[in-house]
């Protein structure tokens, strides 16, 4: 029986391990033709070999997602190999965790390059291809699936660079959704909680997220998140765009974004000394945001 992504061509970045590898395997199991992107080519090849052994279709891609020209080669390889492109799953990530007072410029730039610029590069080339298709009279069913984080939605102590990048990805997703619908392209972001090399680097987290010894449900298995990713890459999700979707274990939820409130309107300029009166009213009416992780 065909899967929900039968014959759809999908690029998955950072797919040599962790969530990316799980996404690639689940997508392939659902019939997708997968371009497995990773700078660790041996790890990417291992994922491809596993997919091929299972009867799926996949190839390795070595593009540097932080380099615009190199990212374009990933899109070209997908088109040359599989004949089309339907979805980009922006998954690749890194971290350089420091308290803000100790954060270096290099720490900042390294995280921004992989997360924020990395989300731009391949997506930009993919969108240019899709726009050209539409202008040529070809119907497009394009999907951008981005990866944000609770750190980006709420903040996370010791991760100012990572949190800022992930918040940027969430905002980027909203803009992409608003702008790209005219080309038949949806844009959504997942906010995953799963067992990966990044999340289990801390011993306490590794212990909490460990797979169960018995056959009970593996709450933190990355494949739990990949099911959502596969659906978002499929033709069935055309009506969903601009959403931040949380996925953990068996739970799927939509994260609400920033919203304006009614506010306090004086109808004229506030004197600086009187702004505190308005703030007192606003703070009393405020629905507090979720707490910053680690605070």
C-alpha atoms as a PDB file:
ATOM      1  CA  UNK A   1       0.000   0.000   0.000  1.00  0.00           C
ATOM      2  CA  UNK A   2       1.294   3.460  -0.882  1.00  0.00           C
ATOM      3  CA  UNK A   3       2.258   5.848   1.905  1.00  0.00           C
ATOM      4  CA  UNK A   4       1.032   9.404   2.306  1.00  0.00           C
ATOM      5  CA  UNK A   5       4.204  10.793   0.672  1.00  0.00           C
ATOM      6  CA  UNK A   6       4.292   8.408  -2.280  1.00  0.00           C
ATOM      7  CA  UNK A   7       6.675   9.727  -4.976  1.00  0.00           C
ATOM      8  CA  UNK A   8       7.099  13.105  -3.318  1.00  0.00           C
ATOM      9  CA  UNK A   9      10.691  14.385  -3.357  1.00  0.00           C
ATOM     10  CA  UNK A  10      11.932  15.687  -0.020  1.00  0.00           C
ATOM     11  CA  UNK A  11      15.216  17.238   1.117  1.00  0.00           C
ATOM     12  CA  UNK A  12      16.029  16.699   4.804  1.00  0.00           C
ATOM     13  CA  UNK A  13      18.946  18.691   6.220  1.00  0.00           C
ATOM     14  CA  UNK A  14      21.091  17.386   9.047  1.00  0.00           C
ATOM     15  CA  UNK A  15      19.761  13.906   8.304  1.00  0.00           C
ATOM     16  CA  UNK A  16      22.826  11.907   9.274  1.00  0.00           C
ATOM     17  CA  UNK A  17      21.539  11.321  12.795  1.00  0.00           C
ATOM     18  CA  UNK A  18      18.972  12.194  15.430  1.00  0.00           C
ATOM     19  CA  UNK A  19      15.719  13.753  14.308  1.00  0.00           C
ATOM     20  CA  UNK A  20      16.894  14.251  10.731  1.00  0.00           C
ATOM     21  CA  UNK A  21      17.708  10.572  10.269  1.00  0.00           C
ATOM     22  CA  UNK A  22      14.343   9.614  11.761  1.00  0.00           C
ATOM     23  CA  UNK A  23      12.570  12.066   9.433  1.00  0.00           C
ATOM     24  CA  UNK A  24      14.365  10.595   6.422  1.00  0.00           C
ATOM     25  CA  UNK A  25      13.493   7.014   7.383  1.00  0.00           C
ATOM     26  CA  UNK A  26       9.833   7.757   8.105  1.00  0.00           C
ATOM     27  CA  UNK A  27       9.441   9.830   4.929  1.00  0.00           C
ATOM     28  CA  UNK A  28      10.983   7.028   2.867  1.00  0.00           C
ATOM     29  CA  UNK A  29       8.702   4.488   4.541  1.00  0.00           C
ATOM     30  CA  UNK A  30       5.775   6.690   3.451  1.00  0.00           C
ATOM     31  CA  UNK A  31       6.946   6.541  -0.148  1.00  0.00           C
ATOM     32  CA  UNK A  32       9.021   9.718  -0.407  1.00  0.00           C
ATOM     33  CA  UNK A  33      12.225   9.998  -2.414  1.00  0.00           C
ATOM     34  CA  UNK A  34      14.644  11.519   0.067  1.00  0.00           C
ATOM     35  CA  UNK A  35      17.761  13.632  -0.361  1.00  0.00           C
ATOM     36  CA  UNK A  36      19.673  12.944   2.875  1.00  0.00           C
ATOM     37  CA  UNK A  37      21.759  16.062   3.538  1.00  0.00           C
ATOM     38  CA  UNK A  38      24.551  16.126   6.113  1.00  0.00           C
ATOM     39  CA  UNK A  39      28.134  17.373   6.355  1.00  0.00           C
ATOM     40  CA  UNK A  40      28.969  13.986   7.910  1.00  0.00           C
ATOM     41  CA  UNK A  41      28.799  11.996   4.708  1.00  0.00           C
ATOM     42  CA  UNK A  42      29.486   8.646   6.382  1.00  0.00           C
ATOM     43  CA  UNK A  43      26.528   9.135   8.708  1.00  0.00           C
ATOM     44  CA  UNK A  44      24.333  10.257   5.810  1.00  0.00           C
ATOM     45  CA  UNK A  45      25.387   7.236   3.742  1.00  0.00           C
ATOM     46  CA  UNK A  46      24.461   4.921   6.633  1.00  0.00           C
ATOM     47  CA  UNK A  47      20.944   6.406   6.675  1.00  0.00           C
ATOM     48  CA  UNK A  48      20.661   6.063   2.896  1.00  0.00           C
ATOM     49  CA  UNK A  49      21.866   2.448   3.038  1.00  0.00           C
ATOM     50  CA  UNK A  50      19.245   1.676   5.673  1.00  0.00           C
ATOM     51  CA  UNK A  51      16.504   3.229   3.525  1.00  0.00           C
ATOM     52  CA  UNK A  52      17.644   1.368   0.408  1.00  0.00           C
ATOM     53  CA  UNK A  53      17.796  -1.931   2.295  1.00  0.00           C
ATOM     54  CA  UNK A  54      14.198  -1.361   3.375  1.00  0.00           C
ATOM     55  CA  UNK A  55      13.124  -0.834  -0.229  1.00  0.00           C
ATOM     56  CA  UNK A  56      13.023   2.947  -0.134  1.00  0.00           C
ATOM     57  CA  UNK A  57      14.624   5.586  -2.336  1.00  0.00           C
ATOM     58  CA  UNK A  58      17.299   7.955  -1.067  1.00  0.00           C
ATOM     59  CA  UNK A  59      20.623   9.566  -1.960  1.00  0.00           C
ATOM     60  CA  UNK A  60      23.319  11.375  -0.007  1.00  0.00           C
ATOM     61  CA  UNK A  61      23.789  15.116  -0.367  1.00  0.00           C
ATOM     62  CA  UNK A  62      26.900  16.879   0.923  1.00  0.00           C
ATOM     63  CA  UNK A  63      25.837  20.517   0.526  1.00  0.00           C
ATOM     64  CA  UNK A  64      26.832  23.045   3.167  1.00  0.00           C
ATOM     65  CA  UNK A  65      23.522  24.578   4.211  1.00  0.00           C
ATOM     66  CA  UNK A  66      25.273  27.704   5.497  1.00  0.00           C
ATOM     67  CA  UNK A  67      26.573  28.425   1.985  1.00  0.00           C
ATOM     68  CA  UNK A  68      24.045  29.775  -0.499  1.00  0.00           C
ATOM     69  CA  UNK A  69      25.688  28.418  -3.641  1.00  0.00           C
ATOM     70  CA  UNK A  70      26.272  25.002  -2.091  1.00  0.00           C
ATOM     71  CA  UNK A  71      22.646  24.854  -0.944  1.00  0.00           C
ATOM     72  CA  UNK A  72      21.524  25.432  -4.497  1.00  0.00           C
ATOM     73  CA  UNK A  73      23.413  22.283  -5.465  1.00  0.00           C
ATOM     74  CA  UNK A  74      21.167  20.295  -3.107  1.00  0.00           C
ATOM     75  CA  UNK A  75      18.062  21.451  -4.953  1.00  0.00           C
ATOM     76  CA  UNK A  76      19.750  20.736  -8.293  1.00  0.00           C
ATOM     77  CA  UNK A  77      20.693  17.226  -7.142  1.00  0.00           C
ATOM     78  CA  UNK A  78      17.108  16.522  -6.092  1.00  0.00           C
ATOM     79  CA  UNK A  79      15.831  17.653  -9.479  1.00  0.00           C
ATOM     80  CA  UNK A  80      18.519  15.770 -11.423  1.00  0.00           C
ATOM     81  CA  UNK A  81      18.054  12.581  -9.395  1.00  0.00           C
ATOM     82  CA  UNK A  82      14.316  12.430  -8.822  1.00  0.00           C
ATOM     83  CA  UNK A  83      12.926  14.861 -11.381  1.00  0.00           C
ATOM     84  CA  UNK A  84      11.106  17.223  -9.020  1.00  0.00           C
ATOM     85  CA  UNK A  85      11.045  18.720  -5.528  1.00  0.00           C
ATOM     86  CA  UNK A  86       8.051  18.849  -3.210  1.00  0.00           C
ATOM     87  CA  UNK A  87       9.345  19.576   0.291  1.00  0.00           C
ATOM     88  CA  UNK A  88      12.297  20.866   2.286  1.00  0.00           C
ATOM     89  CA  UNK A  89      12.655  19.814   5.919  1.00  0.00           C
ATOM     90  CA  UNK A  90      15.025  22.254   7.601  1.00  0.00           C
ATOM     91  CA  UNK A  91      16.318  20.197  10.503  1.00  0.00           C
ATOM     92  CA  UNK A  92      20.091  20.758  10.775  1.00  0.00           C
ATOM     93  CA  UNK A  93      21.212  22.387  14.008  1.00  0.00           C
ATOM     94  CA  UNK A  94      24.044  22.953  16.447  1.00  0.00           C
ATOM     95  CA  UNK A  95      24.547  24.606  19.801  1.00  0.00           C
ATOM     96  CA  UNK A  96      27.176  26.670  21.581  1.00  0.00           C
ATOM     97  CA  UNK A  97      25.609  27.053  24.998  1.00  0.00           C
ATOM     98  CA  UNK A  98      26.880  29.858  27.226  1.00  0.00           C
ATOM     99  CA  UNK A  99      25.369  32.266  29.700  1.00  0.00           C
ATOM    100  CA  UNK A 100      24.871  35.575  27.894  1.00  0.00           C
ATOM    101  CA  UNK A 101      27.659  37.333  29.823  1.00  0.00           C
ATOM    102  CA  UNK A 102      30.107  34.669  28.554  1.00  0.00           C
ATOM    103  CA  UNK A 103      28.781  34.392  24.999  1.00  0.00           C
ATOM    104  CA  UNK A 104      31.400  35.151  22.338  1.00  0.00           C
ATOM    105  CA  UNK A 105      30.859  36.508  18.851  1.00  0.00           C
ATOM    106  CA  UNK A 106      32.031  33.161  17.473  1.00  0.00           C
ATOM    107  CA  UNK A 107      29.434  31.331  19.584  1.00  0.00           C
ATOM    108  CA  UNK A 108      26.745  33.650  18.248  1.00  0.00           C
ATOM    109  CA  UNK A 109      27.791  33.447  14.605  1.00  0.00           C
ATOM    110  CA  UNK A 110      28.155  29.642  14.569  1.00  0.00           C
ATOM    111  CA  UNK A 111      24.593  29.104  15.785  1.00  0.00           C
ATOM    112  CA  UNK A 112      23.069  31.789  13.570  1.00  0.00           C
ATOM    113  CA  UNK A 113      24.825  30.345  10.513  1.00  0.00           C
ATOM    114  CA  UNK A 114      23.494  26.809  10.921  1.00  0.00           C
ATOM    115  CA  UNK A 115      20.023  27.544  12.268  1.00  0.00           C
ATOM    116  CA  UNK A 116      18.885  30.841  10.795  1.00  0.00           C
ATOM    117  CA  UNK A 117      20.934  31.156   7.606  1.00  0.00           C
ATOM    118  CA  UNK A 118      20.661  27.395   7.129  1.00  0.00           C
ATOM    119  CA  UNK A 119      16.870  27.707   7.119  1.00  0.00           C
ATOM    120  CA  UNK A 120      17.113  30.401   4.465  1.00  0.00           C
ATOM    121  CA  UNK A 121      19.543  28.948   1.936  1.00  0.00           C
ATOM    122  CA  UNK A 122      17.966  25.737   0.631  1.00  0.00           C
ATOM    123  CA  UNK A 123      14.453  27.128   1.101  1.00  0.00           C
ATOM    124  CA  UNK A 124      15.350  30.116  -1.058  1.00  0.00           C
ATOM    125  CA  UNK A 125      16.474  27.907  -3.946  1.00  0.00           C
ATOM    126  CA  UNK A 126      13.431  25.654  -3.541  1.00  0.00           C
ATOM    127  CA  UNK A 127      11.024  28.600  -3.604  1.00  0.00           C
ATOM    128  CA  UNK A 128      12.664  30.023  -6.712  1.00  0.00           C
ATOM    129  CA  UNK A 129      12.128  26.654  -8.416  1.00  0.00           C
ATOM    130  CA  UNK A 130       8.491  26.493  -7.302  1.00  0.00           C
ATOM    131  CA  UNK A 131       7.807  30.072  -8.375  1.00  0.00           C
ATOM    132  CA  UNK A 132       9.264  29.329 -11.803  1.00  0.00           C
ATOM    133  CA  UNK A 133       7.034  26.254 -12.050  1.00  0.00           C
ATOM    134  CA  UNK A 134       3.926  28.295 -11.261  1.00  0.00           C
ATOM    135  CA  UNK A 135       4.873  30.974 -13.790  1.00  0.00           C
ATOM    136  CA  UNK A 136       5.295  28.174 -16.343  1.00  0.00           C
ATOM    137  CA  UNK A 137       1.759  26.979 -15.665  1.00  0.00           C
ATOM    138  CA  UNK A 138       2.697  23.955 -13.554  1.00  0.00           C
ATOM    139  CA  UNK A 139       0.657  23.310 -10.389  1.00  0.00           C
ATOM    140  CA  UNK A 140       2.865  23.236  -7.286  1.00  0.00           C
ATOM    141  CA  UNK A 141       2.335  21.414  -3.985  1.00  0.00           C
ATOM    142  CA  UNK A 142       5.355  22.717  -2.084  1.00  0.00           C
ATOM    143  CA  UNK A 143       6.127  22.320   1.589  1.00  0.00           C
ATOM    144  CA  UNK A 144       8.588  24.068   3.893  1.00  0.00           C
ATOM    145  CA  UNK A 145       8.916  22.344   7.262  1.00  0.00           C
ATOM    146  CA  UNK A 146      11.094  24.342   9.636  1.00  0.00           C
ATOM    147  CA  UNK A 147      12.376  23.434  13.085  1.00  0.00           C
ATOM    148  CA  UNK A 148      11.990  25.791  16.015  1.00  0.00           C
ATOM    149  CA  UNK A 149      12.198  25.009  19.732  1.00  0.00           C
ATOM    150  CA  UNK A 150      10.712  25.771  23.101  1.00  0.00           C
ATOM    151  CA  UNK A 151      13.859  27.816  23.610  1.00  0.00           C
ATOM    152  CA  UNK A 152      12.813  30.048  20.737  1.00  0.00           C
ATOM    153  CA  UNK A 153       9.201  30.328  21.840  1.00  0.00           C
ATOM    154  CA  UNK A 154       9.874  30.876  25.538  1.00  0.00           C
ATOM    155  CA  UNK A 155      13.607  31.534  25.958  1.00  0.00           C
ATOM    156  CA  UNK A 156      16.125  29.250  27.643  1.00  0.00           C
ATOM    157  CA  UNK A 157      18.714  30.161  30.269  1.00  0.00           C
ATOM    158  CA  UNK A 158      22.228  29.617  28.930  1.00  0.00           C
ATOM    159  CA  UNK A 159      21.083  29.516  25.300  1.00  0.00           C
ATOM    160  CA  UNK A 160      20.666  33.124  24.177  1.00  0.00           C
ATOM    161  CA  UNK A 161      22.107  32.449  20.720  1.00  0.00           C
ATOM    162  CA  UNK A 162      20.085  29.264  20.190  1.00  0.00           C
ATOM    163  CA  UNK A 163      16.891  30.853  21.533  1.00  0.00           C
ATOM    164  CA  UNK A 164      17.273  33.916  19.308  1.00  0.00           C
ATOM    165  CA  UNK A 165      17.892  31.766  16.238  1.00  0.00           C
ATOM    166  CA  UNK A 166      14.908  29.536  16.954  1.00  0.00           C
ATOM    167  CA  UNK A 167      12.679  32.557  17.583  1.00  0.00           C
ATOM    168  CA  UNK A 168      13.851  33.924  14.245  1.00  0.00           C
ATOM    169  CA  UNK A 169      12.864  30.648  12.580  1.00  0.00           C
ATOM    170  CA  UNK A 170       9.367  30.878  14.044  1.00  0.00           C
ATOM    171  CA  UNK A 171       8.954  34.427  12.696  1.00  0.00           C
ATOM    172  CA  UNK A 172      10.449  33.402   9.345  1.00  0.00           C
ATOM    173  CA  UNK A 173       7.857  30.632   9.105  1.00  0.00           C
ATOM    174  CA  UNK A 174       5.003  33.109   9.575  1.00  0.00           C
ATOM    175  CA  UNK A 175       6.395  35.334   6.826  1.00  0.00           C
ATOM    176  CA  UNK A 176       6.943  32.431   4.448  1.00  0.00           C
ATOM    177  CA  UNK A 177       3.374  31.256   4.984  1.00  0.00           C
ATOM    178  CA  UNK A 178       1.981  34.724   4.316  1.00  0.00           C
ATOM    179  CA  UNK A 179       4.028  35.240   1.154  1.00  0.00           C
ATOM    180  CA  UNK A 180       4.244  31.826  -0.499  1.00  0.00           C
ATOM    181  CA  UNK A 181       0.652  30.603  -0.567  1.00  0.00           C
ATOM    182  CA  UNK A 182       0.240  32.230  -3.991  1.00  0.00           C
ATOM    183  CA  UNK A 183       2.770  29.706  -5.322  1.00  0.00           C
ATOM    184  CA  UNK A 184       1.106  26.654  -3.808  1.00  0.00           C
ATOM    185  CA  UNK A 185       3.655  26.483  -0.993  1.00  0.00           C
ATOM    186  CA  UNK A 186       2.891  26.018   2.710  1.00  0.00           C
ATOM    187  CA  UNK A 187       5.298  26.815   5.546  1.00  0.00           C
ATOM    188  CA  UNK A 188       5.057  25.375   9.026  1.00  0.00           C
ATOM    189  CA  UNK A 189       7.480  24.787  11.870  1.00  0.00           C
ATOM    190  CA  UNK A 190       7.728  21.916  14.277  1.00  0.00           C
ATOM    191  CA  UNK A 191       8.740  22.359  17.895  1.00  0.00           C
ATOM    192  CA  UNK A 192      10.061  18.880  18.763  1.00  0.00           C
ATOM    193  CA  UNK A 193      10.952  17.174  22.011  1.00  0.00           C
ATOM    194  CA  UNK A 194      12.854  13.964  21.361  1.00  0.00           C
ATOM    195  CA  UNK A 195      15.948  11.956  22.172  1.00  0.00           C
ATOM    196  CA  UNK A 196      18.861  13.215  20.049  1.00  0.00           C
ATOM    197  CA  UNK A 197      22.564  13.814  20.454  1.00  0.00           C
ATOM    198  CA  UNK A 198      21.896  17.451  21.359  1.00  0.00           C
ATOM    199  CA  UNK A 199      19.206  16.784  23.946  1.00  0.00           C
ATOM    200  CA  UNK A 200      21.038  13.915  25.648  1.00  0.00           C
ATOM    201  CA  UNK A 201      24.422  15.629  25.917  1.00  0.00           C
ATOM    202  CA  UNK A 202      23.531  16.459  29.534  1.00  0.00           C
ATOM    203  CA  UNK A 203      23.607  13.266  31.665  1.00  0.00           C
ATOM    204  CA  UNK A 204      20.394  14.143  33.505  1.00  0.00           C
ATOM    205  CA  UNK A 205      18.552  14.608  30.201  1.00  0.00           C
ATOM    206  CA  UNK A 206      20.020  11.408  28.792  1.00  0.00           C
ATOM    207  CA  UNK A 207      18.683   9.500  31.800  1.00  0.00           C
ATOM    208  CA  UNK A 208      15.248  11.117  31.605  1.00  0.00           C
ATOM    209  CA  UNK A 209      14.917  10.480  27.861  1.00  0.00           C
ATOM    210  CA  UNK A 210      16.312   6.952  27.804  1.00  0.00           C
ATOM    211  CA  UNK A 211      14.347   4.343  25.867  1.00  0.00           C
ATOM    212  CA  UNK A 212      12.277   2.007  28.073  1.00  0.00           C
ATOM    213  CA  UNK A 213      13.693  -1.437  28.818  1.00  0.00           C
ATOM    214  CA  UNK A 214      10.401  -3.144  28.037  1.00  0.00           C
ATOM    215  CA  UNK A 215       8.133  -2.902  25.007  1.00  0.00           C
ATOM    216  CA  UNK A 216       6.176   0.078  26.343  1.00  0.00           C
ATOM    217  CA  UNK A 217       5.737   3.282  24.354  1.00  0.00           C
ATOM    218  CA  UNK A 218       9.042   5.088  23.779  1.00  0.00           C
ATOM    219  CA  UNK A 219       7.903   8.616  24.568  1.00  0.00           C
ATOM    220  CA  UNK A 220      11.083  10.343  23.417  1.00  0.00           C
ATOM    221  CA  UNK A 221      11.721   8.368  20.222  1.00  0.00           C
ATOM    222  CA  UNK A 222      12.422  10.873  17.395  1.00  0.00           C
ATOM    223  CA  UNK A 223      10.104   8.938  15.080  1.00  0.00           C
ATOM    224  CA  UNK A 224       7.167  10.284  17.101  1.00  0.00           C
ATOM    225  CA  UNK A 225       8.024  13.742  15.746  1.00  0.00           C
ATOM    226  CA  UNK A 226       8.749  12.398  12.267  1.00  0.00           C
ATOM    227  CA  UNK A 227       5.136  11.289  11.858  1.00  0.00           C
ATOM    228  CA  UNK A 228       4.095  14.947  12.049  1.00  0.00           C
ATOM    229  CA  UNK A 229       6.857  15.947   9.628  1.00  0.00           C
ATOM    230  CA  UNK A 230       5.780  13.297   7.102  1.00  0.00           C
ATOM    231  CA  UNK A 231       2.181  14.510   7.229  1.00  0.00           C
ATOM    232  CA  UNK A 232       3.280  18.121   6.744  1.00  0.00           C
ATOM    233  CA  UNK A 233       5.327  17.044   3.692  1.00  0.00           C
ATOM    234  CA  UNK A 234       2.386  15.162   2.194  1.00  0.00           C
ATOM    235  CA  UNK A 235      -0.323  16.375  -0.134  1.00  0.00           C
ATOM    236  CA  UNK A 236      -2.812  16.057   2.713  1.00  0.00           C
ATOM    237  CA  UNK A 237      -1.556  19.148   4.573  1.00  0.00           C
ATOM    238  CA  UNK A 238      -2.261  21.773   1.890  1.00  0.00           C
ATOM    239  CA  UNK A 239      -4.790  23.533   4.151  1.00  0.00           C
ATOM    240  CA  UNK A 240      -2.322  24.033   7.029  1.00  0.00           C
ATOM    241  CA  UNK A 241       0.223  26.853   6.886  1.00  0.00           C
ATOM    242  CA  UNK A 242       1.848  29.352   9.235  1.00  0.00           C
ATOM    243  CA  UNK A 243       1.566  27.037  12.238  1.00  0.00           C
ATOM    244  CA  UNK A 244       4.065  26.229  14.985  1.00  0.00           C
ATOM    245  CA  UNK A 245       3.349  22.620  15.884  1.00  0.00           C
ATOM    246  CA  UNK A 246       4.627  21.033  19.080  1.00  0.00           C
ATOM    247  CA  UNK A 247       5.350  17.306  18.915  1.00  0.00           C
ATOM    248  CA  UNK A 248       6.414  15.167  21.874  1.00  0.00           C
ATOM    249  CA  UNK A 249       5.635  11.508  22.362  1.00  0.00           C
ATOM    250  CA  UNK A 250       1.994  11.028  21.464  1.00  0.00           C
ATOM    251  CA  UNK A 251       1.105  14.708  21.967  1.00  0.00           C
ATOM    252  CA  UNK A 252       0.573  17.172  19.117  1.00  0.00           C
ATOM    253  CA  UNK A 253      -0.309  20.804  19.865  1.00  0.00           C
ATOM    254  CA  UNK A 254      -0.296  24.206  18.193  1.00  0.00           C
ATOM    255  CA  UNK A 255       1.732  26.900  19.942  1.00  0.00           C
ATOM    256  CA  UNK A 256       0.025  30.297  20.159  1.00  0.00           C
ATOM    257  CA  UNK A 257       2.146  33.250  19.108  1.00  0.00           C
ATOM    258  CA  UNK A 258       2.472  36.809  20.345  1.00  0.00           C
ATOM    259  CA  UNK A 259      -0.823  38.682  20.410  1.00  0.00           C
ATOM    260  CA  UNK A 260      -1.641  42.346  20.900  1.00  0.00           C
ATOM    261  CA  UNK A 261      -3.952  43.251  23.793  1.00  0.00           C
ATOM    262  CA  UNK A 262      -6.554  45.997  24.061  1.00  0.00           C
ATOM    263  CA  UNK A 263      -4.014  48.201  25.776  1.00  0.00           C
ATOM    264  CA  UNK A 264      -4.588  51.547  27.460  1.00  0.00           C
ATOM    265  CA  UNK A 265      -5.238  54.444  25.089  1.00  0.00           C
ATOM    266  CA  UNK A 266      -5.121  57.953  26.553  1.00  0.00           C
ATOM    267  CA  UNK A 267      -5.924  59.561  23.211  1.00  0.00           C
ATOM    268  CA  UNK A 268      -2.967  61.886  23.578  1.00  0.00           C
ATOM    269  CA  UNK A 269       0.714  61.722  24.428  1.00  0.00           C
ATOM    270  CA  UNK A 270       1.666  60.151  27.739  1.00  0.00           C
ATOM    271  CA  UNK A 271       3.982  62.212  29.891  1.00  0.00           C
ATOM    272  CA  UNK A 272       7.036  60.075  30.756  1.00  0.00           C
ATOM    273  CA  UNK A 273       6.190  60.209  34.451  1.00  0.00           C
ATOM    274  CA  UNK A 274       2.687  58.856  33.769  1.00  0.00           C
ATOM    275  CA  UNK A 275       3.698  55.812  31.702  1.00  0.00           C
ATOM    276  CA  UNK A 276       4.036  53.838  34.928  1.00  0.00           C
ATOM    277  CA  UNK A 277       0.286  54.279  35.545  1.00  0.00           C
ATOM    278  CA  UNK A 278      -0.501  52.698  32.178  1.00  0.00           C
ATOM    279  CA  UNK A 279       1.966  49.886  32.806  1.00  0.00           C
ATOM    280  CA  UNK A 280       0.362  49.130  36.159  1.00  0.00           C
ATOM    281  CA  UNK A 281      -2.991  48.597  34.432  1.00  0.00           C
ATOM    282  CA  UNK A 282      -1.455  46.519  31.632  1.00  0.00           C
ATOM    283  CA  UNK A 283       0.496  44.284  34.018  1.00  0.00           C
ATOM    284  CA  UNK A 284      -2.607  43.665  36.101  1.00  0.00           C
ATOM    285  CA  UNK A 285      -4.515  42.547  32.995  1.00  0.00           C
ATOM    286  CA  UNK A 286      -1.640  40.589  31.458  1.00  0.00           C
ATOM    287  CA  UNK A 287      -1.781  36.836  30.852  1.00  0.00           C
ATOM    288  CA  UNK A 288       1.813  35.897  31.743  1.00  0.00           C
ATOM    289  CA  UNK A 289       3.953  34.153  29.153  1.00  0.00           C
ATOM    290  CA  UNK A 290       5.256  30.673  29.863  1.00  0.00           C
ATOM    291  CA  UNK A 291       8.355  30.737  32.035  1.00  0.00           C
ATOM    292  CA  UNK A 292      11.782  30.814  30.414  1.00  0.00           C
ATOM    293  CA  UNK A 293      13.294  27.313  30.408  1.00  0.00           C
ATOM    294  CA  UNK A 294      15.743  26.950  33.276  1.00  0.00           C
ATOM    295  CA  UNK A 295      14.515  29.998  35.173  1.00  0.00           C
END
